[in-house]
Amino acid sequence: MKRAYLFIMLSAAGVASFSAVDVLFYQSVGVSVAFVGVLVAAFNFAVTAAELPFAILFDRYSNKLALQLGNFIRICAFVLFFFSVSEGGLLLAQILAGIAVAAMSGTSNALVINQIQSSKLNADSIASTFGKISYLSAIAAIVGGLAGIFLFTKSPQAIWLLAIVFFIAAGIVAATFKDTRAEITQEPLTQFLKKAVKTLNSRTAVSLILANAAAVAPFILWQIKFNQVSILFLAVGYLGLNLAGLLGPLVMRWLNIRVKHIIWVALINVVPVLIFAAATDPTAIWISFVTHVACQGILQILVSARYHEGVSSSMRATAGSAVSLVDSLVVAVTAPIVTVATQQLGLVFGAAVSALLYLAVAAVSIGISKQRG
């Protein structure tokens, strides 16, 4: 399990090395805010197309190969980003990155969760594991992100070289994994796929999809908001982002926040999202953003745990990727709406899209609570 955590940390550092400034990188090569939404949509459509094939490869054939292929494709995408200065090249790189993320999104976490003893496997134990993954990923992201911001100030394209280094290291770790399957006896693929689709036919899946998609506006807009003050404030904002990632699981433990509190976490998160978009004071921007990220992290841990509680280990990656597939479709549609609304009407209108999605999470969760009594 330690090597799985190391793989996740290296991958997180690699993603952080560019994700702290990728929107600014696009703008540095002449891309508009509206086209950033197109890039996000292309990325998510690619994730949608590739999710299930790679998850089935992980669950039924080779989890090691799924991770290695995803890692290799992502390195190829970074190389393309490094050399691309046209919208077409960036679009192709985003599509490759989406395919790579599809190969690794459900698989990395499934690799860890499947190692929890079956006697201890419940919503709260899974939430604890997701909390540890979030905590370690945040530590790695601080290192990768700050290094990326520093390199961006020297040469914007250097962020992709840093990402390549981290993902090569992650690939070396993945090469040491033992290749195993969740179950030796396999059912027919058609039956397996029917079960995967069935996992989506639940309110727990819907709440997870909505919770993941709800962060789309702050995710796209935070770099622009912080950079309006200065590049140094962007670095401070990035530190806050990861500080929230570290504190989220700890706050869960201190306040004993459980799955039954999902409704309140979703409702509370509406407030900092709207304050972040409307605020002009740097202190208010930073506090509201950190609060939002912490609430989003807690919410994702809780809704993910509630969903995975009802999923068997033999198809955990496939089920997770089925959710990610639909989530990617939702984000692919939502992202252009956010960026166009922001460009035409302002940040508050873009952020309002996320606020509505958080309200939807709360509404669905109320239904789940009533259903369970």
Protein backbone atom coordinates (compact mmCIF):
# COMPACT_ATOMS: atom_id res chain seq x y z
CA MET A 1 0.00 0.00 0.00
CA LYS A 2 2.94 2.35 0.68
CA ARG A 3 4.04 2.18 -2.97
CA ALA A 4 0.46 2.93 -4.06
CA TYR A 5 0.46 6.04 -1.86
CA LEU A 6 3.86 7.06 -3.29
CA PHE A 7 2.51 6.68 -6.82
CA ILE A 8 -0.48 8.86 -5.94
CA MET A 9 1.79 11.50 -4.36
CA LEU A 10 4.12 11.67 -7.37
CA SER A 11 1.14 11.94 -9.70
CA ALA A 12 -0.35 14.68 -7.52
CA ALA A 13 2.94 16.62 -7.58
CA GLY A 14 3.08 16.24 -11.36
CA VAL A 15 -0.44 17.56 -11.83
CA ALA A 16 0.18 20.41 -9.38
CA SER A 17 3.30 21.53 -11.25
CA PHE A 18 1.10 22.91 -14.03
CA SER A 19 -2.41 23.11 -12.57
CA ALA A 20 -1.47 26.10 -10.41
CA VAL A 21 -0.85 28.20 -13.53
CA ASP A 22 -2.27 26.35 -16.54
CA VAL A 23 -5.02 28.92 -17.23
CA LEU A 24 -2.39 31.67 -17.08
CA PHE A 25 -0.21 29.62 -19.44
CA TYR A 26 -3.08 29.44 -21.94
CA GLN A 27 -3.52 33.20 -21.68
CA SER A 28 0.23 33.70 -22.16
CA VAL A 29 -0.03 32.05 -25.58
CA GLY A 30 -3.06 34.13 -26.56
CA VAL A 31 -6.02 31.96 -25.51
CA SER A 32 -9.22 33.71 -24.37
CA VAL A 33 -11.15 32.83 -21.20
CA ALA A 34 -13.99 31.48 -23.35
CA PHE A 35 -11.62 29.12 -25.19
CA VAL A 36 -10.33 27.87 -21.84
CA GLY A 37 -13.87 26.54 -21.38
CA VAL A 38 -13.57 24.75 -24.73
CA LEU A 39 -10.28 23.19 -23.60
CA VAL A 40 -11.88 22.00 -20.35
CA ALA A 41 -14.81 20.58 -22.33
CA ALA A 42 -12.48 18.74 -24.74
CA PHE A 43 -10.56 17.29 -21.81
CA ASN A 44 -13.75 16.02 -20.20
CA PHE A 45 -15.16 14.57 -23.41
CA ALA A 46 -11.90 12.64 -23.81
CA VAL A 47 -12.21 11.39 -20.22
CA THR A 48 -15.76 10.29 -21.00
CA ALA A 49 -14.70 8.30 -24.07
CA ALA A 50 -11.82 6.51 -22.34
CA GLU A 51 -13.05 5.97 -18.77
CA LEU A 52 -14.75 2.59 -18.99
CA PRO A 53 -12.23 0.81 -21.28
CA PHE A 54 -9.35 1.56 -18.91
CA ALA A 55 -11.39 0.77 -15.79
CA ILE A 56 -12.38 -2.61 -17.25
CA LEU A 57 -8.72 -3.22 -18.06
CA PHE A 58 -7.89 -2.50 -14.39
CA ASP A 59 -10.67 -4.57 -12.83
CA ARG A 60 -10.65 -7.58 -15.17
CA TYR A 61 -7.23 -7.86 -16.78
CA SER A 62 -4.27 -5.80 -15.54
CA ASN A 63 -4.35 -2.95 -13.03
CA LYS A 64 -0.63 -2.41 -13.53
CA LEU A 65 -0.98 -2.03 -17.31
CA ALA A 66 -3.87 0.43 -16.90
CA LEU A 67 -1.75 2.68 -14.68
CA GLN A 68 1.33 2.41 -16.88
CA LEU A 69 -0.58 3.22 -20.07
CA GLY A 70 -2.23 6.22 -18.43
CA ASN A 71 1.11 7.45 -17.14
CA PHE A 72 2.76 7.13 -20.57
CA ILE A 73 -0.08 8.90 -22.41
CA ARG A 74 0.03 11.74 -19.91
CA ILE A 75 3.76 12.24 -20.50
CA CYS A 76 3.04 12.39 -24.25
CA ALA A 77 0.41 15.07 -23.57
CA PHE A 78 2.92 17.13 -21.58
CA VAL A 79 5.43 16.94 -24.42
CA LEU A 80 2.75 18.23 -26.78
CA PHE A 81 1.83 21.05 -24.38
CA PHE A 82 5.50 22.05 -24.22
CA PHE A 83 5.78 22.42 -27.99
CA SER A 84 2.26 23.76 -28.70
CA VAL A 85 1.51 27.44 -29.10
CA SER A 86 -1.61 27.11 -31.31
CA GLU A 87 -5.18 26.45 -30.22
CA GLY A 88 -5.26 23.26 -32.27
CA GLY A 89 -2.14 21.88 -30.59
CA LEU A 90 -3.44 22.74 -27.13
CA LEU A 91 -6.75 21.08 -27.95
CA LEU A 92 -5.01 17.86 -29.03
CA ALA A 93 -2.85 17.90 -25.91
CA GLN A 94 -5.96 18.31 -23.75
CA ILE A 95 -7.61 15.34 -25.44
CA LEU A 96 -4.54 13.17 -24.78
CA ALA A 97 -4.47 14.37 -21.17
CA GLY A 98 -8.14 13.46 -20.81
CA ILE A 99 -7.50 9.93 -22.07
CA ALA A 100 -4.62 9.60 -19.60
CA VAL A 101 -6.70 10.84 -16.69
CA ALA A 102 -9.40 8.35 -17.64
CA ALA A 103 -6.81 5.58 -17.35
CA MET A 104 -5.77 6.71 -13.87
CA SER A 105 -8.76 8.41 -12.24
CA GLY A 106 -10.64 5.46 -10.79
CA THR A 107 -7.69 3.10 -10.81
CA SER A 108 -5.30 4.80 -8.37
CA ASN A 109 -7.86 5.10 -5.60
CA ALA A 110 -9.26 1.62 -6.29
CA LEU A 111 -5.75 0.23 -5.90
CA VAL A 112 -5.67 1.52 -2.30
CA ILE A 113 -9.31 0.85 -1.34
CA ASN A 114 -9.13 -2.76 -2.51
CA GLN A 115 -6.39 -3.34 0.07
CA ILE A 116 -8.69 -2.49 3.00
CA GLN A 117 -9.67 -5.66 4.84
CA SER A 118 -13.16 -6.71 3.81
CA SER A 119 -14.23 -6.97 7.47
CA LYS A 120 -13.44 -3.27 7.92
CA LEU A 121 -14.91 -2.07 4.60
CA ASN A 122 -17.72 0.43 5.26
CA ALA A 123 -18.54 4.02 4.39
CA ASP A 124 -16.56 5.50 7.27
CA SER A 125 -13.43 3.33 6.71
CA ILE A 126 -13.47 4.24 3.02
CA ALA A 127 -13.91 7.91 3.97
CA SER A 128 -10.87 7.60 6.25
CA THR A 129 -8.83 6.13 3.37
CA PHE A 130 -9.95 8.88 0.99
CA GLY A 131 -8.99 11.36 3.71
CA LYS A 132 -5.46 9.95 3.86
CA ILE A 133 -5.19 10.05 0.06
CA SER A 134 -6.33 13.70 0.11
CA TYR A 135 -3.88 14.56 2.88
CA LEU A 136 -0.84 12.99 1.16
CA SER A 137 -1.85 14.40 -2.22
CA ALA A 138 -2.07 17.90 -0.73
CA ILE A 139 1.45 17.63 0.71
CA ALA A 140 2.82 16.52 -2.66
CA ALA A 141 0.84 19.19 -4.48
CA ILE A 142 2.34 21.97 -2.38
CA VAL A 143 5.82 20.92 -3.50
CA GLY A 144 4.88 20.48 -7.16
CA GLY A 145 2.68 23.57 -7.34
CA LEU A 146 5.13 26.04 -5.79
CA ALA A 147 7.91 24.68 -8.00
CA GLY A 148 5.61 25.11 -11.00
CA ILE A 149 4.73 28.70 -10.10
CA PHE A 150 8.43 29.54 -9.70
CA LEU A 151 9.30 28.01 -13.08
CA PHE A 152 6.33 29.79 -14.69
CA THR A 153 7.80 33.17 -13.71
CA LYS A 154 11.04 32.18 -15.47
CA SER A 155 9.64 30.36 -18.50
CA PRO A 156 5.93 29.47 -18.77
CA GLN A 157 6.53 26.32 -20.84
CA ALA A 158 8.94 24.90 -18.22
CA ILE A 159 5.96 23.77 -16.12
CA TRP A 160 5.42 20.90 -18.56
CA LEU A 161 9.03 19.71 -18.18
CA LEU A 162 8.57 19.56 -14.41
CA ALA A 163 5.38 17.54 -14.88
CA ILE A 164 7.25 15.10 -17.11
CA VAL A 165 9.89 14.53 -14.41
CA PHE A 166 7.27 13.73 -11.76
CA PHE A 167 5.33 11.38 -14.03
CA ILE A 168 8.46 9.52 -15.12
CA ALA A 169 9.16 8.93 -11.40
CA ALA A 170 5.55 7.77 -10.92
CA GLY A 171 5.96 5.38 -13.85
CA ILE A 172 9.04 3.86 -12.24
CA VAL A 173 7.05 3.25 -9.03
CA ALA A 174 4.16 1.74 -10.99
CA ALA A 175 6.59 -0.70 -12.62
CA THR A 176 7.22 -2.23 -9.17
CA PHE A 177 3.53 -2.98 -8.52
CA LYS A 178 2.35 -6.55 -8.33
CA ASP A 179 -0.25 -7.15 -11.03
CA THR A 180 -3.39 -8.57 -9.44
CA ARG A 181 -7.10 -8.84 -10.14
CA ALA A 182 -9.85 -8.30 -7.62
CA GLU A 183 -11.37 -11.71 -8.43
CA ILE A 184 -10.00 -14.77 -10.21
CA THR A 185 -13.39 -15.99 -11.47
CA GLN A 186 -14.89 -13.57 -13.94
CA GLU A 187 -18.45 -13.18 -15.12
CA PRO A 188 -19.24 -12.44 -18.80
CA LEU A 189 -18.26 -8.91 -19.87
CA THR A 190 -21.83 -7.99 -20.87
CA GLN A 191 -23.09 -8.88 -17.39
CA PHE A 192 -20.18 -6.99 -15.85
CA LEU A 193 -21.05 -3.86 -17.85
CA LYS A 194 -24.70 -4.11 -16.84
CA LYS A 195 -23.63 -4.09 -13.20
CA ALA A 196 -21.40 -1.06 -13.84
CA VAL A 197 -24.31 0.83 -15.40
CA LYS A 198 -26.55 -0.25 -12.52
CA THR A 199 -24.21 1.45 -10.04
CA LEU A 200 -25.15 4.75 -11.71
CA ASN A 201 -28.83 4.13 -11.12
CA SER A 202 -28.77 5.41 -7.58
CA ARG A 203 -29.07 8.69 -5.74
CA THR A 204 -25.64 8.14 -4.17
CA ALA A 205 -24.11 8.13 -7.66
CA VAL A 206 -26.04 11.25 -8.67
CA SER A 207 -24.89 13.13 -5.56
CA LEU A 208 -21.25 12.13 -6.25
CA ILE A 209 -21.49 13.29 -9.87
CA LEU A 210 -23.03 16.62 -8.87
CA ALA A 211 -20.50 17.17 -6.07
CA ASN A 212 -17.57 16.59 -8.41
CA ALA A 213 -19.02 18.91 -11.04
CA ALA A 214 -19.93 21.63 -8.54
CA ALA A 215 -16.31 22.76 -8.19
CA VAL A 216 -16.01 23.60 -11.90
CA ALA A 217 -16.34 27.40 -11.59
CA PRO A 218 -13.77 27.96 -8.80
CA PHE A 219 -11.49 25.39 -10.48
CA ILE A 220 -11.42 27.37 -13.72
CA LEU A 221 -11.51 30.88 -12.28
CA TRP A 222 -9.29 30.89 -9.19
CA GLN A 223 -6.05 31.57 -11.07
CA ILE A 224 -7.58 34.56 -12.86
CA LYS A 225 -9.00 35.93 -9.59
CA PHE A 226 -5.74 35.68 -7.65
CA ASN A 227 -3.56 36.86 -10.53
CA GLN A 228 -5.66 40.05 -10.72
CA VAL A 229 -3.85 41.00 -7.52
CA SER A 230 -0.37 39.65 -8.35
CA ILE A 231 1.57 36.48 -9.22
CA LEU A 232 2.81 36.42 -5.61
CA PHE A 233 -0.80 36.42 -4.40
CA LEU A 234 -1.42 33.53 -6.79
CA ALA A 235 1.29 31.56 -4.94
CA VAL A 236 -0.33 32.51 -1.62
CA GLY A 237 -3.66 31.33 -3.00
CA TYR A 238 -2.15 28.06 -4.11
CA LEU A 239 -0.70 27.53 -0.64
CA GLY A 240 -4.17 28.19 0.75
CA LEU A 241 -5.68 25.69 -1.66
CA ASN A 242 -3.39 22.94 -0.43
CA LEU A 243 -3.62 24.05 3.19
CA ALA A 244 -7.36 23.48 2.84
CA GLY A 245 -6.61 20.06 1.36
CA LEU A 246 -4.53 19.24 4.43
CA LEU A 247 -7.00 20.66 6.93
CA GLY A 248 -10.15 19.18 5.39
CA PRO A 249 -9.58 15.57 6.59
CA LEU A 250 -8.36 16.85 9.97
CA VAL A 251 -11.45 19.03 10.42
CA MET A 252 -13.57 16.00 9.57
CA ARG A 253 -11.92 14.11 12.41
CA TRP A 254 -11.98 16.98 14.93
CA LEU A 255 -15.65 17.79 14.34
CA ASN A 256 -16.62 14.14 13.79
CA ILE A 257 -18.15 14.97 10.40
CA ARG A 258 -19.80 11.88 8.94
CA VAL A 259 -21.76 10.85 5.88
CA LYS A 260 -24.98 11.97 7.58
CA HIS A 261 -23.68 15.59 7.46
CA ILE A 262 -23.40 15.78 3.64
CA ILE A 263 -26.46 18.03 3.31
CA TRP A 264 -25.01 20.70 5.61
CA VAL A 265 -21.55 20.60 4.03
CA ALA A 266 -23.07 21.14 0.56
CA LEU A 267 -25.28 24.03 1.73
CA ILE A 268 -22.47 25.73 3.64
CA ASN A 269 -20.22 25.66 0.56
CA VAL A 270 -22.60 27.87 -1.42
CA VAL A 271 -21.61 30.87 0.71
CA PRO A 272 -17.80 30.92 0.25
CA VAL A 273 -18.15 30.25 -3.49
CA LEU A 274 -20.25 33.38 -4.01
CA ILE A 275 -18.15 35.49 -1.63
CA PHE A 276 -14.98 34.42 -3.46
CA ALA A 277 -16.40 35.54 -6.79
CA ALA A 278 -17.70 38.88 -5.50
CA ALA A 279 -14.88 39.89 -3.14
CA THR A 280 -12.26 42.48 -4.04
CA ASP A 281 -10.35 42.53 -0.74
CA PRO A 282 -7.38 40.08 -0.89
CA THR A 283 -8.03 38.77 2.63
CA ALA A 284 -11.69 38.04 1.84
CA ILE A 285 -10.69 36.37 -1.43
CA TRP A 286 -8.17 34.11 0.32
CA ILE A 287 -10.36 33.14 3.29
CA SER A 288 -13.42 32.40 1.16
CA PHE A 289 -11.37 30.36 -1.31
CA VAL A 290 -9.69 28.28 1.40
CA THR A 291 -13.06 27.70 3.09
CA HIS A 292 -14.58 26.58 -0.21
CA VAL A 293 -11.74 24.17 -0.99
CA ALA A 294 -11.89 22.64 2.50
CA CYS A 295 -15.66 22.16 2.24
CA GLN A 296 -15.34 20.73 -1.27
CA GLY A 297 -12.68 18.27 -0.11
CA ILE A 298 -14.82 17.11 2.80
CA LEU A 299 -17.88 16.84 0.57
CA GLN A 300 -16.05 14.74 -2.02
CA ILE A 301 -14.71 12.40 0.66
CA LEU A 302 -18.17 11.88 2.13
CA VAL A 303 -20.14 11.40 -1.09
CA SER A 304 -17.42 9.11 -2.50
CA ALA A 305 -17.50 6.97 0.64
CA ARG A 306 -21.30 6.74 0.54
CA TYR A 307 -21.17 5.63 -3.08
CA HIS A 308 -18.31 3.11 -2.74
CA GLU A 309 -19.92 1.48 0.29
CA GLY A 310 -22.32 -0.25 -2.10
CA VAL A 311 -19.71 -1.27 -4.71
CA SER A 312 -17.90 -4.63 -4.73
CA SER A 313 -14.09 -4.69 -4.91
CA SER A 314 -14.26 -6.71 -8.14
CA MET A 315 -15.59 -3.73 -10.06
CA ARG A 316 -14.58 -0.76 -7.91
CA ALA A 317 -12.46 0.92 -10.60
CA THR A 318 -15.13 0.35 -13.24
CA ALA A 319 -17.88 1.72 -10.99
CA GLY A 320 -15.74 4.73 -10.07
CA SER A 321 -14.97 5.36 -13.70
CA ALA A 322 -18.63 5.02 -14.67
CA VAL A 323 -19.35 7.88 -12.28
CA SER A 324 -16.35 9.83 -13.58
CA LEU A 325 -17.62 9.29 -17.14
CA VAL A 326 -20.97 10.93 -16.41
CA ASP A 327 -19.28 13.57 -14.25
CA SER A 328 -16.99 14.44 -17.17
CA LEU A 329 -20.00 14.88 -19.44
CA VAL A 330 -21.61 17.23 -16.92
CA VAL A 331 -18.40 19.26 -16.60
CA ALA A 332 -17.91 19.29 -20.39
CA VAL A 333 -21.30 20.96 -20.74
CA THR A 334 -20.96 23.19 -17.66
CA ALA A 335 -17.42 24.54 -18.20
CA PRO A 336 -18.19 26.57 -21.37
CA ILE A 337 -21.29 27.99 -19.64
CA VAL A 338 -19.11 29.12 -16.72
CA THR A 339 -16.42 30.72 -18.89
CA VAL A 340 -18.84 32.45 -21.27
CA ALA A 341 -20.93 33.74 -18.36
CA THR A 342 -17.75 35.00 -16.69
CA GLN A 343 -16.47 36.68 -19.85
CA GLN A 344 -19.81 38.29 -20.69
CA LEU A 345 -21.37 38.96 -17.27
CA GLY A 346 -18.64 38.64 -14.61
CA LEU A 347 -17.21 36.20 -12.08
CA VAL A 348 -20.29 36.11 -9.85
CA PHE A 349 -22.47 34.78 -12.66
CA GLY A 350 -19.87 32.10 -13.45
CA ALA A 351 -19.68 31.09 -9.78
CA ALA A 352 -23.49 30.93 -9.56
CA VAL A 353 -23.37 27.77 -11.70
CA SER A 354 -21.39 26.01 -8.97
CA ALA A 355 -23.71 27.36 -6.26
CA LEU A 356 -26.71 25.81 -8.03
CA LEU A 357 -24.93 22.45 -8.25
CA TYR A 358 -24.21 22.47 -4.50
CA LEU A 359 -27.90 23.10 -3.85
CA ALA A 360 -28.66 20.12 -6.09
CA VAL A 361 -26.29 17.92 -4.04
CA ALA A 362 -28.13 18.93 -0.88
CA ALA A 363 -31.53 18.22 -2.46
CA VAL A 364 -30.50 14.75 -3.65
CA SER A 365 -28.95 13.96 -0.25
CA ILE A 366 -32.19 14.92 1.50
CA GLY A 367 -33.89 12.30 -0.67
CA ILE A 368 -31.27 9.70 0.29
CA SER A 369 -31.72 10.45 4.00
CA LYS A 370 -35.49 10.03 3.72
CA GLN A 371 -35.04 6.81 1.75
CA ARG A 372 -32.78 5.33 4.43
CA GLY A 373 -35.01 6.56 7.22
